[in-house]
Amino acid sequence: MPWELQEHAGRHYAVLFHYALPDDAWAVELSEAVPAPAEGDENPDAVVTHLPGAAFLVALVPDEDPNLRPTVRVYSPDDRVVPYEIMRWFMEQVADQVERCRIAFEQGEPEAVE
C-alpha cells in the first residue's frame, strides 16, 4: 500500500492508497502521520520517519462503473481541524486517482489502476 507524506506547521500528514474490496473502489485515506519505529535501519538511505496513522477522511473511488461517483467519508470522533493546504493536497490526490480509474476503465483495465 503506497503512501505519501506532507508536513504542515510541524505536523505530518499521510495519504494512503489501497483497494477497498467490500466497496469495489480505491480508497484514498488522509491521516495524521505517526512517527515510525526506530527498528529496521538496515538501509539508512531509505529511512522512513513517519507512517500513516488512523484515517479520518476516506475517499472511495469506484473503478468498475464510470457512472458511480467518488464519495468522501469522515471518521473523526473528536473535533479535528484540517489545514486548507492539507485538504487541498488530499483532494488533488483523490482527483488524480479518479483520473487514473477513468483512464483504466476506458482502456478496459480497471484492475491496473494504482
N, C-alpha and C. Protein backbone atom coordinates (compact mmCIF):
# COMPACT_ATOMS: atom_id res chain seq x y z
N MET A 1 0.84 -1.18 0.00
CA MET A 1 0.00 0.00 0.00
C MET A 1 0.89 1.25 0.00
N PRO A 2 0.94 1.92 -1.10
CA PRO A 2 1.77 3.13 -1.17
C PRO A 2 1.14 4.28 -0.39
N TRP A 3 1.99 5.17 0.09
CA TRP A 3 1.51 6.36 0.75
C TRP A 3 2.45 7.51 0.46
N GLU A 4 1.93 8.72 0.69
CA GLU A 4 2.71 9.94 0.53
C GLU A 4 2.60 10.75 1.81
N LEU A 5 3.66 11.46 2.13
CA LEU A 5 3.69 12.28 3.34
C LEU A 5 3.76 13.75 2.99
N GLN A 6 3.20 14.57 3.87
CA GLN A 6 3.25 16.02 3.72
C GLN A 6 3.36 16.62 5.12
N GLU A 7 4.22 17.61 5.27
CA GLU A 7 4.36 18.30 6.55
C GLU A 7 3.72 19.67 6.44
N HIS A 8 3.03 20.08 7.50
CA HIS A 8 2.43 21.40 7.54
C HIS A 8 2.45 21.88 8.98
N ALA A 9 3.08 23.02 9.22
CA ALA A 9 3.13 23.66 10.54
C ALA A 9 3.61 22.69 11.62
N GLY A 10 4.61 21.89 11.27
CA GLY A 10 5.20 20.97 12.24
C GLY A 10 4.46 19.66 12.43
N ARG A 11 3.36 19.46 11.75
CA ARG A 11 2.60 18.21 11.83
C ARG A 11 2.77 17.47 10.51
N HIS A 12 2.74 16.15 10.60
CA HIS A 12 2.89 15.31 9.42
C HIS A 12 1.56 14.64 9.10
N TYR A 13 1.24 14.62 7.81
CA TYR A 13 0.01 14.00 7.33
C TYR A 13 0.37 12.97 6.28
N ALA A 14 -0.48 11.96 6.14
CA ALA A 14 -0.23 10.91 5.16
C ALA A 14 -1.47 10.68 4.32
N VAL A 15 -1.24 10.38 3.06
CA VAL A 15 -2.30 9.91 2.16
C VAL A 15 -1.90 8.49 1.77
N LEU A 16 -2.78 7.56 2.06
CA LEU A 16 -2.55 6.13 1.81
C LEU A 16 -3.53 5.67 0.73
N PHE A 17 -3.03 4.86 -0.19
CA PHE A 17 -3.84 4.32 -1.28
C PHE A 17 -3.97 2.81 -1.12
N HIS A 18 -5.17 2.28 -1.19
CA HIS A 18 -5.36 0.83 -1.20
C HIS A 18 -6.71 0.50 -1.82
N TYR A 19 -6.88 -0.76 -2.20
CA TYR A 19 -8.14 -1.18 -2.79
C TYR A 19 -9.07 -1.66 -1.69
N ALA A 20 -10.26 -1.09 -1.62
CA ALA A 20 -11.27 -1.48 -0.64
C ALA A 20 -12.22 -2.47 -1.30
N LEU A 21 -11.93 -3.73 -1.15
CA LEU A 21 -12.69 -4.78 -1.83
C LEU A 21 -14.19 -4.73 -1.52
N PRO A 22 -14.61 -4.54 -0.26
CA PRO A 22 -16.06 -4.50 0.00
C PRO A 22 -16.78 -3.38 -0.74
N ASP A 23 -16.07 -2.31 -1.04
CA ASP A 23 -16.68 -1.16 -1.73
C ASP A 23 -16.44 -1.19 -3.24
N ASP A 24 -15.65 -2.17 -3.72
CA ASP A 24 -15.26 -2.20 -5.14
C ASP A 24 -14.75 -0.84 -5.58
N ALA A 25 -13.82 -0.30 -4.79
CA ALA A 25 -13.32 1.05 -5.07
C ALA A 25 -11.91 1.20 -4.50
N TRP A 26 -11.19 2.14 -5.07
CA TRP A 26 -9.91 2.53 -4.49
C TRP A 26 -10.19 3.46 -3.33
N ALA A 27 -9.49 3.26 -2.23
CA ALA A 27 -9.61 4.12 -1.07
C ALA A 27 -8.38 5.02 -1.01
N VAL A 28 -8.63 6.29 -0.83
CA VAL A 28 -7.57 7.28 -0.63
C VAL A 28 -7.82 7.84 0.76
N GLU A 29 -6.91 7.53 1.70
CA GLU A 29 -7.13 7.86 3.10
C GLU A 29 -6.21 8.99 3.55
N LEU A 30 -6.78 9.94 4.30
CA LEU A 30 -5.98 11.00 4.91
C LEU A 30 -5.90 10.74 6.40
N SER A 31 -4.68 10.81 6.92
CA SER A 31 -4.47 10.63 8.35
C SER A 31 -3.37 11.55 8.82
N GLU A 32 -3.30 11.71 10.13
CA GLU A 32 -2.13 12.37 10.70
C GLU A 32 -1.08 11.28 10.83
N ALA A 33 0.10 11.53 10.28
CA ALA A 33 1.16 10.53 10.29
C ALA A 33 1.72 10.38 11.70
N VAL A 34 2.16 9.16 12.00
CA VAL A 34 2.75 8.86 13.30
C VAL A 34 4.23 8.54 13.11
N PRO A 35 5.05 8.83 14.10
CA PRO A 35 6.48 8.51 13.97
C PRO A 35 6.70 7.02 13.74
N ALA A 36 7.61 6.73 12.85
CA ALA A 36 7.95 5.33 12.54
C ALA A 36 8.82 4.77 13.66
N PRO A 37 8.68 3.48 13.92
CA PRO A 37 9.56 2.87 14.93
C PRO A 37 11.01 2.95 14.48
N ALA A 38 11.93 3.01 15.43
CA ALA A 38 13.36 3.15 15.14
C ALA A 38 13.97 1.87 14.62
N GLU A 39 13.31 0.74 14.80
CA GLU A 39 13.88 -0.54 14.37
C GLU A 39 13.86 -0.67 12.85
N GLY A 40 14.68 -1.54 12.33
CA GLY A 40 14.71 -1.80 10.89
C GLY A 40 15.54 -0.81 10.11
N ASP A 41 16.65 -0.36 10.67
CA ASP A 41 17.51 0.61 10.00
C ASP A 41 18.55 -0.07 9.10
N GLU A 42 18.17 -1.13 8.38
CA GLU A 42 19.12 -1.84 7.53
C GLU A 42 19.64 -0.95 6.41
N ASN A 43 18.78 -0.11 5.86
CA ASN A 43 19.17 0.76 4.75
C ASN A 43 18.98 2.22 5.19
N PRO A 44 20.04 2.89 5.65
CA PRO A 44 19.88 4.26 6.15
C PRO A 44 19.46 5.26 5.09
N ASP A 45 19.64 4.94 3.80
CA ASP A 45 19.22 5.85 2.74
C ASP A 45 17.70 5.85 2.55
N ALA A 46 17.05 4.79 3.01
CA ALA A 46 15.60 4.67 2.84
C ALA A 46 14.89 4.80 4.18
N VAL A 47 15.30 5.79 4.96
CA VAL A 47 14.74 5.97 6.29
C VAL A 47 13.31 6.51 6.18
N VAL A 48 12.41 5.83 6.83
CA VAL A 48 11.03 6.26 6.91
C VAL A 48 10.83 6.87 8.28
N THR A 49 10.52 8.15 8.32
CA THR A 49 10.38 8.82 9.60
C THR A 49 8.96 8.77 10.14
N HIS A 50 7.97 8.69 9.24
CA HIS A 50 6.57 8.67 9.65
C HIS A 50 5.80 7.65 8.81
N LEU A 51 4.75 7.13 9.43
CA LEU A 51 3.86 6.17 8.78
C LEU A 51 2.43 6.70 8.87
N PRO A 52 1.55 6.24 7.97
CA PRO A 52 0.15 6.66 8.07
C PRO A 52 -0.45 6.24 9.41
N GLY A 53 -1.27 7.10 9.97
CA GLY A 53 -1.99 6.79 11.20
C GLY A 53 -3.41 6.36 10.87
N ALA A 54 -4.29 6.49 11.84
CA ALA A 54 -5.71 6.14 11.64
C ALA A 54 -6.35 7.18 10.73
N ALA A 55 -7.02 6.70 9.69
CA ALA A 55 -7.64 7.59 8.71
C ALA A 55 -8.80 8.37 9.32
N PHE A 56 -8.88 9.66 8.99
CA PHE A 56 -10.05 10.44 9.41
C PHE A 56 -10.85 10.95 8.22
N LEU A 57 -10.30 10.86 7.02
CA LEU A 57 -11.04 11.11 5.78
C LEU A 57 -10.70 9.99 4.81
N VAL A 58 -11.73 9.42 4.19
CA VAL A 58 -11.50 8.35 3.22
C VAL A 58 -12.34 8.66 1.98
N ALA A 59 -11.66 8.83 0.86
CA ALA A 59 -12.35 8.99 -0.42
C ALA A 59 -12.41 7.63 -1.09
N LEU A 60 -13.59 7.23 -1.52
CA LEU A 60 -13.76 5.97 -2.24
C LEU A 60 -13.98 6.29 -3.71
N VAL A 61 -13.12 5.72 -4.54
CA VAL A 61 -13.15 6.00 -5.98
C VAL A 61 -13.50 4.70 -6.70
N PRO A 62 -14.77 4.55 -7.13
CA PRO A 62 -15.15 3.33 -7.85
C PRO A 62 -14.36 3.18 -9.14
N ASP A 63 -13.96 1.95 -9.45
CA ASP A 63 -13.14 1.74 -10.65
C ASP A 63 -13.78 0.80 -11.66
N GLU A 64 -14.98 0.32 -11.38
CA GLU A 64 -15.61 -0.62 -12.30
C GLU A 64 -16.81 -0.05 -13.03
N ASP A 65 -17.34 1.06 -12.55
CA ASP A 65 -18.51 1.66 -13.17
C ASP A 65 -18.29 3.18 -13.24
N PRO A 66 -18.07 3.72 -14.43
CA PRO A 66 -17.79 5.15 -14.55
C PRO A 66 -18.98 6.03 -14.17
N ASN A 67 -20.15 5.44 -14.03
CA ASN A 67 -21.32 6.23 -13.63
C ASN A 67 -21.39 6.44 -12.12
N LEU A 68 -20.66 5.64 -11.36
CA LEU A 68 -20.63 5.83 -9.91
C LEU A 68 -19.67 6.96 -9.59
N ARG A 69 -20.06 7.79 -8.66
CA ARG A 69 -19.27 8.97 -8.29
C ARG A 69 -18.43 8.68 -7.05
N PRO A 70 -17.25 9.27 -6.97
CA PRO A 70 -16.45 9.15 -5.75
C PRO A 70 -17.20 9.77 -4.57
N THR A 71 -16.94 9.24 -3.39
CA THR A 71 -17.52 9.77 -2.17
C THR A 71 -16.42 9.97 -1.14
N VAL A 72 -16.68 10.80 -0.15
CA VAL A 72 -15.74 11.03 0.94
C VAL A 72 -16.46 10.72 2.25
N ARG A 73 -15.83 9.87 3.06
CA ARG A 73 -16.36 9.54 4.38
C ARG A 73 -15.49 10.21 5.44
N VAL A 74 -16.14 10.69 6.47
CA VAL A 74 -15.43 11.35 7.57
C VAL A 74 -15.48 10.43 8.78
N TYR A 75 -14.30 10.13 9.34
CA TYR A 75 -14.18 9.32 10.54
C TYR A 75 -13.43 10.16 11.57
N SER A 76 -14.15 10.78 12.48
CA SER A 76 -13.49 11.60 13.47
C SER A 76 -14.38 11.75 14.69
N PRO A 77 -14.05 11.04 15.77
CA PRO A 77 -14.87 11.16 16.96
C PRO A 77 -14.65 12.48 17.70
N ASP A 78 -13.54 13.13 17.43
CA ASP A 78 -13.25 14.39 18.10
C ASP A 78 -13.23 15.53 17.09
N ASP A 79 -13.14 16.73 17.60
CA ASP A 79 -13.05 17.90 16.73
C ASP A 79 -11.69 17.91 16.06
N ARG A 80 -11.65 17.74 14.78
CA ARG A 80 -10.37 17.71 14.06
C ARG A 80 -10.34 18.88 13.09
N VAL A 81 -9.22 19.58 13.10
CA VAL A 81 -9.02 20.69 12.18
C VAL A 81 -8.03 20.23 11.12
N VAL A 82 -8.42 20.37 9.87
CA VAL A 82 -7.54 20.01 8.76
C VAL A 82 -7.14 21.30 8.07
N PRO A 83 -5.86 21.61 8.04
CA PRO A 83 -5.42 22.83 7.36
C PRO A 83 -5.84 22.82 5.88
N TYR A 84 -6.16 23.98 5.38
CA TYR A 84 -6.60 24.11 3.99
C TYR A 84 -5.60 23.48 3.02
N GLU A 85 -4.32 23.74 3.22
CA GLU A 85 -3.29 23.23 2.33
C GLU A 85 -3.29 21.70 2.31
N ILE A 86 -3.52 21.09 3.46
CA ILE A 86 -3.55 19.62 3.54
C ILE A 86 -4.81 19.09 2.88
N MET A 87 -5.95 19.74 3.09
CA MET A 87 -7.19 19.31 2.44
C MET A 87 -7.07 19.43 0.93
N ARG A 88 -6.46 20.49 0.48
CA ARG A 88 -6.27 20.67 -0.96
C ARG A 88 -5.35 19.58 -1.53
N TRP A 89 -4.25 19.28 -0.82
CA TRP A 89 -3.33 18.22 -1.23
C TRP A 89 -4.07 16.89 -1.30
N PHE A 90 -4.87 16.58 -0.28
CA PHE A 90 -5.65 15.34 -0.25
C PHE A 90 -6.60 15.27 -1.45
N MET A 91 -7.32 16.34 -1.70
CA MET A 91 -8.28 16.34 -2.81
C MET A 91 -7.58 16.25 -4.16
N GLU A 92 -6.37 16.79 -4.28
CA GLU A 92 -5.60 16.61 -5.51
C GLU A 92 -5.24 15.13 -5.70
N GLN A 93 -4.88 14.45 -4.62
CA GLN A 93 -4.59 13.02 -4.69
C GLN A 93 -5.84 12.24 -5.11
N VAL A 94 -6.99 12.63 -4.56
CA VAL A 94 -8.25 11.98 -4.92
C VAL A 94 -8.56 12.22 -6.40
N ALA A 95 -8.41 13.45 -6.86
CA ALA A 95 -8.68 13.78 -8.27
C ALA A 95 -7.77 12.99 -9.20
N ASP A 96 -6.50 12.84 -8.82
CA ASP A 96 -5.57 12.04 -9.62
C ASP A 96 -6.01 10.57 -9.68
N GLN A 97 -6.49 10.04 -8.55
CA GLN A 97 -6.95 8.65 -8.53
C GLN A 97 -8.20 8.48 -9.38
N VAL A 98 -9.10 9.44 -9.34
CA VAL A 98 -10.30 9.40 -10.19
C VAL A 98 -9.88 9.36 -11.65
N GLU A 99 -8.93 10.20 -12.02
CA GLU A 99 -8.45 10.24 -13.41
C GLU A 99 -7.83 8.90 -13.82
N ARG A 100 -7.01 8.33 -12.94
CA ARG A 100 -6.40 7.03 -13.26
C ARG A 100 -7.46 5.94 -13.44
N CYS A 101 -8.48 5.97 -12.59
CA CYS A 101 -9.55 4.97 -12.70
C CYS A 101 -10.34 5.14 -14.00
N ARG A 102 -10.62 6.39 -14.36
CA ARG A 102 -11.37 6.64 -15.60
C ARG A 102 -10.57 6.19 -16.82
N ILE A 103 -9.28 6.49 -16.83
CA ILE A 103 -8.43 6.08 -17.96
C ILE A 103 -8.35 4.56 -18.03
N ALA A 104 -8.14 3.91 -16.91
CA ALA A 104 -8.05 2.45 -16.89
C ALA A 104 -9.36 1.82 -17.33
N PHE A 105 -10.50 2.40 -16.91
CA PHE A 105 -11.80 1.87 -17.33
C PHE A 105 -11.96 1.99 -18.84
N GLU A 106 -11.59 3.14 -19.38
CA GLU A 106 -11.70 3.34 -20.83
C GLU A 106 -10.82 2.39 -21.61
N GLN A 107 -9.68 2.01 -21.02
CA GLN A 107 -8.77 1.08 -21.67
C GLN A 107 -9.11 -0.37 -21.37
N GLY A 108 -10.15 -0.57 -20.55
CA GLY A 108 -10.58 -1.92 -20.21
C GLY A 108 -9.67 -2.61 -19.21
N GLU A 109 -8.98 -1.83 -18.36
CA GLU A 109 -8.05 -2.39 -17.38
C GLU A 109 -8.36 -1.84 -15.98
N PRO A 110 -9.55 -2.03 -15.43
CA PRO A 110 -9.86 -1.42 -14.13
C PRO A 110 -8.99 -1.93 -13.00
N GLU A 111 -8.44 -3.11 -13.11
CA GLU A 111 -7.61 -3.64 -12.01
C GLU A 111 -6.19 -3.08 -12.02
N ALA A 112 -5.79 -2.40 -13.08
CA ALA A 112 -4.41 -1.91 -13.21
C ALA A 112 -4.33 -0.42 -12.94
N VAL A 113 -5.04 0.05 -11.93
CA VAL A 113 -5.14 1.49 -11.72
C VAL A 113 -3.98 2.05 -10.92
N GLU A 114 -3.56 1.46 -9.83
CA GLU A 114 -2.55 2.08 -8.97
C GLU A 114 -1.20 1.54 -9.23
